[in-house]
């Protein structure tokens, strides 16, 4: 009997282990395929699909409205992008009269011509008094007649654009508060035209005046980037046009626009602060030859006057001025950030 028990014990143990392994494998197979076989997985998918679908006709209509509004906004953005490209192409060929209008000047072409003639005469006398040389005086006259008037208009235009960008976020905030208080957008624009600083007040006043002539508000605002060709004015026109055509919360959209405008303004100031060191270095390097030349004139005038009294010296001065101009333009391009 003892030998029989010793013979059966390993067999019983092997059978038990095999049974446990079969049970384990069966349990794993059941846990994997049970949801599929029982339909639980299909039931869960169907319940999720039903939950994702609108439960009634009202929800389905709301979803269709949302999809239609999204498509409308996308079409509007494409249209504005094409219009913006056309405006950029047009701005590259901008006329002098348009530049004067954008600079805030009320000049006509005869007035500009008179200003150019007077400027040329003043520069001519300055050149004669400074050098006594007719050739140098002729150069001064050319710069005063053709260069200085256009530079003056460009400078006025740039300063006006910067003033517009500084005040535009405040004007948008006024519109946001007015819309939240229940005022129509047209009345809010009139408030900005009365309360804002120049040149924002003038530009918004032109919007109200254009609207009085029978043009819709969206079309009147769309003309703002033509008079002030900056990205911020285009942003404002796009937001108003999309809201007028597609609907939506105007106060929220303009509030977000105000945050974007202030963020761009802060970024511009940060860029100017970071580039101030490079601009100072460029100014020092550009003025150093003239500063050294002035010192040499007072210390050893006979040494430095050779450059002005001889033909070879004049050629050397002309070559140095040419290379100085090229160097200044290269440095200007390096530190002139487009933002």
Protein backbone atom coordinates (compact mmCIF):
# COMPACT_ATOMS: atom_id res chain seq x y z
CA UNK A 1 0.00 0.00 0.00
CA UNK A 2 2.84 2.37 0.78
CA UNK A 3 4.33 1.82 -2.66
CA UNK A 4 0.96 2.44 -4.30
CA UNK A 5 0.52 5.73 -2.44
CA UNK A 6 4.03 6.84 -3.42
CA UNK A 7 3.16 6.02 -7.06
CA UNK A 8 -0.23 7.88 -7.06
CA UNK A 9 0.91 11.04 -5.22
CA UNK A 10 2.94 12.55 -8.16
CA UNK A 11 0.12 11.75 -10.59
CA UNK A 12 -2.48 13.47 -8.38
CA UNK A 13 -0.22 16.49 -8.02
CA UNK A 14 0.27 16.76 -11.81
CA UNK A 15 -3.46 16.45 -12.43
CA UNK A 16 -4.15 19.22 -9.89
CA UNK A 17 -1.58 21.54 -11.48
CA UNK A 18 -2.97 20.85 -14.95
CA UNK A 19 -6.49 21.57 -13.73
CA UNK A 20 -5.40 24.87 -12.18
CA UNK A 21 -3.63 25.90 -15.39
CA UNK A 22 -6.73 25.08 -17.45
CA UNK A 23 -8.92 27.07 -15.07
CA UNK A 24 -6.55 30.07 -15.27
CA UNK A 25 -6.41 29.98 -19.08
CA UNK A 26 -10.17 29.62 -19.24
CA UNK A 27 -10.63 32.58 -16.92
CA UNK A 28 -8.37 34.78 -19.06
CA UNK A 29 -10.19 33.76 -22.27
CA UNK A 30 -13.57 34.38 -20.62
CA UNK A 31 -12.55 37.85 -19.39
CA UNK A 32 -11.34 38.80 -22.91
CA UNK A 33 -14.21 37.48 -25.00
CA UNK A 34 -17.11 37.62 -22.52
CA UNK A 35 -18.08 41.30 -23.29
CA UNK A 36 -18.10 40.58 -27.04
CA UNK A 37 -20.00 37.31 -26.71
CA UNK A 38 -22.52 38.72 -24.29
CA UNK A 39 -23.13 41.94 -26.29
CA UNK A 40 -21.96 44.23 -23.46
CA UNK A 41 -19.35 45.90 -25.62
CA UNK A 42 -21.82 46.55 -28.43
CA UNK A 43 -24.31 47.85 -25.89
CA UNK A 44 -21.78 50.32 -24.44
CA UNK A 45 -20.82 51.59 -27.91
CA UNK A 46 -24.45 52.07 -28.84
CA UNK A 47 -25.17 53.93 -25.60
CA UNK A 48 -22.22 56.24 -26.22
CA UNK A 49 -23.35 56.90 -29.78
CA UNK A 50 -26.89 57.62 -28.61
CA UNK A 51 -25.58 59.91 -25.87
CA UNK A 52 -23.43 61.78 -28.40
CA UNK A 53 -26.37 62.37 -30.75
CA UNK A 54 -28.78 65.23 -30.04
CA UNK A 55 -31.71 64.01 -28.03
CA UNK A 56 -34.26 66.21 -29.73
CA UNK A 57 -34.85 68.37 -32.74
CA UNK A 58 -33.86 71.52 -30.85
CA UNK A 59 -30.38 70.21 -30.14
CA UNK A 60 -29.94 69.03 -33.72
CA UNK A 61 -30.95 72.47 -34.96
CA UNK A 62 -28.51 74.11 -32.54
CA UNK A 63 -25.68 71.93 -33.85
CA UNK A 64 -26.57 72.74 -37.43
CA UNK A 65 -26.53 76.47 -36.55
CA UNK A 66 -23.12 76.10 -34.95
CA UNK A 67 -21.74 74.30 -38.00
CA UNK A 68 -23.23 76.89 -40.32
CA UNK A 69 -21.75 79.71 -38.23
CA UNK A 70 -18.32 78.06 -38.27
CA UNK A 71 -18.46 77.76 -42.05
CA UNK A 72 -19.58 81.37 -42.30
CA UNK A 73 -16.70 82.56 -40.12
CA UNK A 74 -14.22 80.55 -42.18
CA UNK A 75 -15.57 82.08 -45.38
CA UNK A 76 -15.33 85.53 -43.81
CA UNK A 77 -11.72 84.95 -42.78
CA UNK A 78 -10.79 83.80 -46.28
CA UNK A 79 -12.49 86.85 -47.76
CA UNK A 80 -10.65 89.16 -45.35
CA UNK A 81 -7.33 87.48 -46.13
CA UNK A 82 -7.82 88.06 -49.84
CA UNK A 83 -8.86 91.64 -49.18
CA UNK A 84 -5.81 92.17 -46.97
CA UNK A 85 -3.47 90.89 -49.69
CA UNK A 86 -5.08 93.28 -52.17
CA UNK A 87 -4.64 96.15 -49.69
CA UNK A 88 -0.98 95.29 -49.16
CA UNK A 89 -0.39 95.30 -52.89
CA UNK A 90 -2.17 98.63 -53.13
CA UNK A 91 -0.17 100.11 -50.22
CA UNK A 92 3.08 99.40 -52.03
CA UNK A 93 1.90 101.78 -54.76
CA UNK A 94 0.41 104.38 -52.43
CA UNK A 95 0.22 107.91 -53.81
CA UNK A 96 1.67 111.02 -52.23
CA UNK A 97 -1.77 112.50 -51.63
CA UNK A 98 -2.83 109.38 -49.71
CA UNK A 99 0.34 109.57 -47.64
CA UNK A 100 -0.47 113.15 -46.70
CA UNK A 101 -4.00 112.14 -45.68
CA UNK A 102 -2.65 109.27 -43.57
CA UNK A 103 -0.22 111.71 -41.95
CA UNK A 104 -3.15 113.88 -40.86
CA UNK A 105 -2.21 116.75 -43.18
CA UNK A 106 -4.86 118.68 -45.07
CA UNK A 107 -2.48 119.73 -47.82
CA UNK A 108 -3.27 119.70 -51.49
CA UNK A 109 -0.61 119.23 -54.16
CA UNK A 110 -0.08 123.01 -54.70
CA UNK A 111 0.59 123.42 -50.99
CA UNK A 112 3.06 120.54 -51.06
CA UNK A 113 4.86 122.07 -54.04
CA UNK A 114 5.11 125.45 -52.26
CA UNK A 115 6.45 123.71 -49.14
CA UNK A 116 9.05 121.88 -51.25
CA UNK A 117 10.20 125.10 -52.95
CA UNK A 118 10.53 126.97 -49.66
CA UNK A 119 12.37 124.04 -48.11
CA UNK A 120 14.77 123.89 -51.07
CA UNK A 121 15.52 127.64 -50.80
CA UNK A 122 16.21 127.36 -47.05
CA UNK A 123 18.51 124.37 -47.56
CA UNK A 124 20.30 126.21 -50.39
CA UNK A 125 21.11 129.19 -48.14
CA UNK A 126 22.22 126.87 -45.34
CA UNK A 127 24.55 125.08 -47.76
CA UNK A 128 26.02 128.36 -49.01
CA UNK A 129 26.57 129.66 -45.49
CA UNK A 130 28.09 126.42 -44.27
CA UNK A 131 30.46 125.70 -47.15
CA UNK A 132 30.52 128.57 -49.63
CA UNK A 133 30.71 125.96 -52.40
CA UNK A 134 28.07 125.98 -55.11
CA UNK A 135 28.34 122.22 -55.62
CA UNK A 136 27.72 121.52 -51.95
CA UNK A 137 24.91 124.10 -51.90
CA UNK A 138 23.36 122.36 -54.91
CA UNK A 139 23.38 119.10 -52.96
CA UNK A 140 21.66 120.86 -50.06
CA UNK A 141 19.05 122.29 -52.44
CA UNK A 142 18.35 118.87 -53.93
CA UNK A 143 17.92 117.34 -50.47
CA UNK A 144 15.69 120.18 -49.32
CA UNK A 145 13.47 120.14 -52.40
CA UNK A 146 12.96 116.41 -52.95
CA UNK A 147 14.10 114.66 -49.78
CA UNK A 148 13.08 116.70 -46.75
CA UNK A 149 9.35 117.20 -47.63
CA UNK A 150 8.82 113.47 -48.18
CA UNK A 151 10.77 112.64 -45.04
CA UNK A 152 8.61 115.10 -43.11
CA UNK A 153 5.40 113.47 -44.38
CA UNK A 154 6.71 109.95 -43.59
CA UNK A 155 7.70 111.07 -40.09
CA UNK A 156 4.29 112.64 -39.43
CA UNK A 157 2.59 109.52 -40.79
CA UNK A 158 4.58 107.20 -38.56
CA UNK A 159 3.96 109.33 -35.45
CA UNK A 160 0.24 109.41 -36.19
CA UNK A 161 0.12 105.62 -36.56
CA UNK A 162 1.95 105.17 -33.25
CA UNK A 163 -0.47 107.54 -31.51
CA UNK A 164 -3.38 105.59 -33.02
CA UNK A 165 -1.98 102.29 -31.73
CA UNK A 166 -1.49 103.74 -28.25
CA UNK A 167 -5.10 104.93 -27.99
CA UNK A 168 -6.95 102.17 -29.88
CA UNK A 169 -7.09 99.69 -26.93
CA UNK A 170 -8.73 102.40 -24.79
CA UNK A 171 -11.30 103.02 -27.52
CA UNK A 172 -12.06 99.31 -27.77
CA UNK A 173 -12.52 99.16 -23.98
CA UNK A 174 -15.05 102.00 -24.21
CA UNK A 175 -16.98 100.01 -26.83
CA UNK A 176 -16.86 96.87 -24.66
CA UNK A 177 -18.27 98.70 -21.64
CA UNK A 178 -20.97 100.33 -23.77
CA UNK A 179 -22.05 97.03 -25.35
CA UNK A 180 -22.19 95.36 -21.93
CA UNK A 181 -24.36 98.25 -20.74
CA UNK A 182 -26.80 97.61 -23.61
CA UNK A 183 -25.83 100.37 -26.06
CA UNK A 184 -25.80 99.64 -29.81
CA UNK A 185 -22.43 99.41 -31.49
CA UNK A 186 -23.05 102.58 -33.52
CA UNK A 187 -23.68 104.62 -30.36
CA UNK A 188 -20.56 103.18 -28.75
CA UNK A 189 -18.50 104.29 -31.74
CA UNK A 190 -19.97 107.79 -31.40
CA UNK A 191 -18.89 107.82 -27.74
CA UNK A 192 -15.35 106.89 -28.78
CA UNK A 193 -15.41 109.67 -31.39
CA UNK A 194 -16.25 112.16 -28.62
CA UNK A 195 -14.18 110.85 -25.71
CA UNK A 196 -11.04 109.27 -27.18
CA UNK A 197 -7.81 111.09 -27.94
CA UNK A 198 -6.52 111.91 -31.38
CA UNK A 199 -6.18 110.40 -33.92
CA UNK A 200 -8.59 107.66 -32.79
CA UNK A 201 -11.36 110.23 -32.27
CA UNK A 202 -10.97 111.56 -35.82
CA UNK A 203 -10.94 108.10 -37.40
CA UNK A 204 -14.03 106.92 -35.49
CA UNK A 205 -15.75 110.20 -36.31
CA UNK A 206 -15.17 109.40 -39.98
CA UNK A 207 -16.84 106.02 -39.39
CA UNK A 208 -19.96 107.68 -37.99
CA UNK A 209 -19.98 110.28 -40.79
CA UNK A 210 -19.69 107.52 -43.41
CA UNK A 211 -22.52 105.62 -41.75
CA UNK A 212 -24.75 108.71 -41.86
CA UNK A 213 -24.34 108.72 -45.65
CA UNK A 214 -26.20 105.40 -45.84
CA UNK A 215 -23.31 102.92 -45.72
CA UNK A 216 -23.65 99.98 -43.35
CA UNK A 217 -21.62 99.90 -40.16
CA UNK A 218 -19.53 96.91 -41.28
CA UNK A 219 -18.58 98.65 -44.55
CA UNK A 220 -17.82 101.90 -42.73
CA UNK A 221 -15.52 100.10 -40.27
CA UNK A 222 -13.91 98.15 -43.14
CA UNK A 223 -12.58 101.45 -44.51
CA UNK A 224 -10.63 102.13 -41.33
CA UNK A 225 -7.60 99.99 -42.38
CA UNK A 226 -7.45 101.95 -45.65
CA UNK A 227 -6.96 105.21 -43.75
CA UNK A 228 -4.76 103.67 -41.04
CA UNK A 229 -2.95 100.71 -42.62
CA UNK A 230 -1.87 98.91 -39.46
CA UNK A 231 -2.63 95.35 -38.38
CA UNK A 232 -4.53 96.44 -35.27
CA UNK A 233 -7.06 98.46 -37.28
CA UNK A 234 -7.55 95.46 -39.55
CA UNK A 235 -8.18 93.23 -36.51
CA UNK A 236 -10.91 95.60 -35.32
CA UNK A 237 -12.56 95.69 -38.75
CA UNK A 238 -12.53 91.88 -38.99
CA UNK A 239 -14.10 91.40 -35.56
CA UNK A 240 -16.88 93.90 -36.26
CA UNK A 241 -17.58 92.50 -39.75
CA UNK A 242 -17.76 88.90 -38.53
CA UNK A 243 -20.07 89.85 -35.68
CA UNK A 244 -22.34 91.84 -38.01
CA UNK A 245 -22.65 88.95 -40.47
CA UNK A 246 -22.39 85.82 -38.31
CA UNK A 247 -23.61 87.09 -34.94
CA UNK A 248 -22.14 86.17 -31.58
CA UNK A 249 -21.03 87.93 -28.42
CA UNK A 250 -19.56 91.26 -29.53
CA UNK A 251 -18.50 92.30 -26.03
CA UNK A 252 -16.50 89.12 -25.48
CA UNK A 253 -14.88 89.31 -28.92
CA UNK A 254 -13.89 92.96 -28.49
CA UNK A 255 -12.65 92.26 -24.96
CA UNK A 256 -10.36 89.56 -26.35
CA UNK A 257 -9.29 91.97 -29.08
CA UNK A 258 -8.41 94.59 -26.47
CA UNK A 259 -6.21 92.05 -24.66
CA UNK A 260 -4.50 91.17 -27.94
CA UNK A 261 -3.88 94.85 -28.75
CA UNK A 262 -2.41 95.52 -25.32
CA UNK A 263 -0.26 92.40 -25.60
CA UNK A 264 1.11 93.54 -28.97
CA UNK A 265 1.74 96.99 -27.52
CA UNK A 266 3.68 95.51 -24.59
CA UNK A 267 5.66 93.29 -26.96
CA UNK A 268 6.62 96.29 -29.11
CA UNK A 269 7.88 98.18 -26.08
CA UNK A 270 9.83 95.13 -24.93
CA UNK A 271 11.45 94.82 -28.37
CA UNK A 272 12.37 98.52 -28.31
CA UNK A 273 13.90 98.14 -24.85
CA UNK A 274 15.93 95.09 -25.89
CA UNK A 275 17.14 96.77 -29.09
CA UNK A 276 18.00 100.09 -27.40
CA UNK A 277 21.56 98.93 -26.64
CA UNK A 278 22.20 97.97 -30.26
CA UNK A 279 20.78 101.29 -31.46
CA UNK A 280 23.00 103.20 -29.04
CA UNK A 281 26.05 101.29 -30.24
CA UNK A 282 25.14 102.01 -33.86
CA UNK A 283 24.71 105.73 -33.06
CA UNK A 284 28.09 105.90 -31.33
CA UNK A 285 29.85 104.07 -34.17
CA UNK A 286 28.17 106.27 -36.79
CA UNK A 287 29.00 109.55 -35.04
CA UNK A 288 32.55 108.64 -34.00
CA UNK A 289 34.28 109.65 -37.31
CA UNK A 290 32.61 113.08 -37.27
CA UNK A 291 33.45 113.56 -33.60
CA UNK A 292 37.11 112.64 -34.16
CA UNK A 293 37.24 114.87 -37.25
CA UNK A 294 35.91 117.83 -35.23
CA UNK A 295 38.49 117.30 -32.51
CA UNK A 296 41.27 117.09 -35.10
CA UNK A 297 40.07 120.37 -36.63
CA UNK A 298 40.55 122.19 -33.32
CA UNK A 299 43.81 120.43 -32.43
CA UNK A 300 45.56 120.39 -35.82
CA UNK A 301 43.53 122.31 -38.41
CA UNK A 302 46.26 122.19 -41.07
CA UNK A 303 46.31 118.41 -40.82
CA UNK A 304 42.56 117.93 -41.34
CA UNK A 305 41.97 120.77 -43.86
CA UNK A 306 43.95 118.85 -46.48
CA UNK A 307 40.88 116.65 -46.92
CA UNK A 308 38.74 119.69 -47.75
CA UNK A 309 41.18 121.80 -49.76
CA UNK A 310 42.55 119.21 -52.19
CA UNK A 311 40.85 117.13 -54.86
CA UNK A 312 42.32 113.91 -53.48
CA UNK A 313 41.03 114.79 -50.03
CA UNK A 314 37.54 115.46 -51.42
CA UNK A 315 37.58 112.06 -53.14
CA UNK A 316 38.63 110.43 -49.88
CA UNK A 317 35.82 112.20 -47.99
CA UNK A 318 33.28 111.14 -50.64
CA UNK A 319 34.45 107.51 -50.43
CA UNK A 320 34.37 107.57 -46.62
CA UNK A 321 30.86 109.04 -46.60
CA UNK A 322 29.71 106.37 -49.05
CA UNK A 323 31.09 103.56 -46.92
CA UNK A 324 29.71 105.20 -43.79
CA UNK A 325 26.27 105.33 -45.40
CA UNK A 326 26.48 101.66 -46.40
CA UNK A 327 27.55 100.71 -42.88
CA UNK A 328 24.75 102.72 -41.28
CA UNK A 329 22.18 101.10 -43.57
CA UNK A 330 23.52 97.62 -42.72
CA UNK A 331 23.36 98.35 -38.98
CA UNK A 332 19.89 99.82 -39.38
CA UNK A 333 18.71 96.67 -41.13
CA UNK A 334 20.19 94.53 -38.37
CA UNK A 335 18.46 96.38 -35.53
CA UNK A 336 15.23 97.39 -37.29
CA UNK A 337 12.83 94.68 -36.12
CA UNK A 338 9.59 94.24 -38.06
CA UNK A 339 6.72 93.87 -35.56
